[in-house]
N, C-alpha and C. Protein backbone atom coordinates (compact mmCIF):
# COMPACT_ATOMS: atom_id res chain seq x y z
N MET A 1 -13.51 -19.11 -47.19
CA MET A 1 -13.63 -18.09 -46.16
C MET A 1 -12.86 -18.57 -44.92
N PRO A 2 -11.94 -17.75 -44.40
CA PRO A 2 -11.19 -18.17 -43.21
C PRO A 2 -12.09 -18.23 -41.98
N MET A 3 -11.82 -19.20 -41.13
CA MET A 3 -12.61 -19.35 -39.90
C MET A 3 -12.05 -18.43 -38.81
N HIS A 4 -12.93 -17.88 -38.06
CA HIS A 4 -12.56 -17.03 -36.93
C HIS A 4 -12.60 -17.87 -35.67
N ASN A 5 -11.56 -17.82 -34.88
CA ASN A 5 -11.48 -18.62 -33.66
C ASN A 5 -11.27 -17.69 -32.46
N PRO A 6 -12.36 -17.12 -31.91
CA PRO A 6 -12.21 -16.19 -30.79
C PRO A 6 -11.77 -16.92 -29.53
N PRO A 7 -11.13 -16.22 -28.59
CA PRO A 7 -10.72 -16.85 -27.34
C PRO A 7 -11.94 -17.20 -26.49
N HIS A 8 -11.77 -18.20 -25.64
CA HIS A 8 -12.83 -18.61 -24.72
C HIS A 8 -13.02 -17.51 -23.67
N PRO A 9 -14.25 -17.17 -23.29
CA PRO A 9 -14.48 -16.13 -22.29
C PRO A 9 -13.75 -16.39 -20.97
N GLY A 10 -13.65 -17.66 -20.59
CA GLY A 10 -12.94 -17.99 -19.35
C GLY A 10 -11.47 -17.65 -19.40
N GLU A 11 -10.87 -17.76 -20.57
CA GLU A 11 -9.46 -17.41 -20.73
C GLU A 11 -9.26 -15.91 -20.57
N ILE A 12 -10.21 -15.13 -21.09
CA ILE A 12 -10.13 -13.68 -20.94
C ILE A 12 -10.25 -13.30 -19.47
N VAL A 13 -11.20 -13.90 -18.77
CA VAL A 13 -11.37 -13.61 -17.34
C VAL A 13 -10.10 -13.96 -16.57
N ARG A 14 -9.52 -15.12 -16.88
CA ARG A 14 -8.30 -15.54 -16.19
C ARG A 14 -7.17 -14.54 -16.44
N GLN A 15 -6.94 -14.17 -17.69
CA GLN A 15 -5.83 -13.29 -18.04
C GLN A 15 -6.04 -11.85 -17.57
N GLU A 16 -7.26 -11.35 -17.71
CA GLU A 16 -7.52 -9.94 -17.43
C GLU A 16 -7.92 -9.65 -15.99
N CYS A 17 -8.47 -10.65 -15.28
CA CYS A 17 -8.98 -10.40 -13.93
C CYS A 17 -8.24 -11.18 -12.86
N LEU A 18 -8.13 -12.47 -13.03
CA LEU A 18 -7.58 -13.31 -11.97
C LEU A 18 -6.07 -13.16 -11.83
N GLU A 19 -5.32 -13.29 -12.93
CA GLU A 19 -3.86 -13.23 -12.85
C GLU A 19 -3.34 -11.90 -12.32
N PRO A 20 -3.86 -10.74 -12.77
CA PRO A 20 -3.36 -9.47 -12.22
C PRO A 20 -3.58 -9.33 -10.70
N LEU A 21 -4.61 -9.98 -10.19
CA LEU A 21 -4.89 -9.90 -8.76
C LEU A 21 -4.22 -11.02 -7.97
N GLY A 22 -3.55 -11.93 -8.67
CA GLY A 22 -2.88 -13.04 -8.00
C GLY A 22 -3.85 -14.09 -7.50
N LEU A 23 -5.01 -14.20 -8.14
CA LEU A 23 -6.02 -15.16 -7.70
C LEU A 23 -5.96 -16.43 -8.53
N GLN A 24 -6.37 -17.54 -7.92
CA GLN A 24 -6.48 -18.80 -8.62
C GLN A 24 -7.95 -19.12 -8.82
N LEU A 25 -8.27 -19.76 -9.93
CA LEU A 25 -9.65 -20.07 -10.26
C LEU A 25 -10.33 -20.89 -9.17
N ALA A 26 -9.63 -21.87 -8.61
CA ALA A 26 -10.23 -22.72 -7.58
C ALA A 26 -10.61 -21.90 -6.34
N ALA A 27 -9.77 -20.95 -5.96
CA ALA A 27 -10.07 -20.12 -4.78
C ALA A 27 -11.29 -19.23 -5.04
N VAL A 28 -11.37 -18.66 -6.22
CA VAL A 28 -12.52 -17.83 -6.57
C VAL A 28 -13.79 -18.68 -6.59
N PHE A 29 -13.70 -19.86 -7.15
CA PHE A 29 -14.85 -20.75 -7.21
C PHE A 29 -15.36 -21.08 -5.80
N LEU A 30 -14.45 -21.37 -4.87
CA LEU A 30 -14.87 -21.70 -3.51
C LEU A 30 -15.60 -20.53 -2.85
N VAL A 31 -15.13 -19.32 -3.10
CA VAL A 31 -15.77 -18.14 -2.52
C VAL A 31 -17.16 -17.93 -3.12
N LEU A 32 -17.27 -18.11 -4.43
CA LEU A 32 -18.52 -17.82 -5.12
C LEU A 32 -19.55 -18.94 -5.06
N ARG A 33 -19.10 -20.19 -5.13
CA ARG A 33 -20.02 -21.31 -5.30
C ARG A 33 -19.92 -22.41 -4.24
N GLY A 34 -18.89 -22.43 -3.45
CA GLY A 34 -18.72 -23.50 -2.47
C GLY A 34 -17.82 -24.60 -3.01
N PRO A 35 -17.79 -25.75 -2.36
CA PRO A 35 -16.89 -26.83 -2.76
C PRO A 35 -17.15 -27.30 -4.19
N GLN A 36 -16.08 -27.74 -4.85
CA GLN A 36 -16.20 -28.20 -6.24
C GLN A 36 -16.87 -29.55 -6.33
N ARG A 37 -16.71 -30.38 -5.32
CA ARG A 37 -17.31 -31.72 -5.31
C ARG A 37 -18.03 -31.94 -4.00
N LEU A 38 -19.02 -32.79 -4.02
CA LEU A 38 -19.69 -33.15 -2.78
C LEU A 38 -18.69 -33.84 -1.86
N GLY A 39 -18.76 -33.56 -0.59
CA GLY A 39 -17.87 -34.19 0.37
C GLY A 39 -16.57 -33.44 0.58
N ASP A 40 -16.41 -32.27 -0.05
CA ASP A 40 -15.19 -31.49 0.11
C ASP A 40 -15.29 -30.50 1.27
N GLY A 41 -16.30 -30.60 2.06
CA GLY A 41 -16.46 -29.67 3.17
C GLY A 41 -17.43 -28.55 2.79
N GLY A 42 -17.49 -27.55 3.66
CA GLY A 42 -18.34 -26.40 3.36
C GLY A 42 -19.71 -26.70 3.71
């Protein structure tokens, strides 16, 4: 039986949502969640 390898949900979000709007994942993350690491400000 052949294995099915669906795309990762994050890849779909990047291709369908972020790229058409010219957004970068890091910028969206900062708006939604704050700094990626402790000590990065915010």
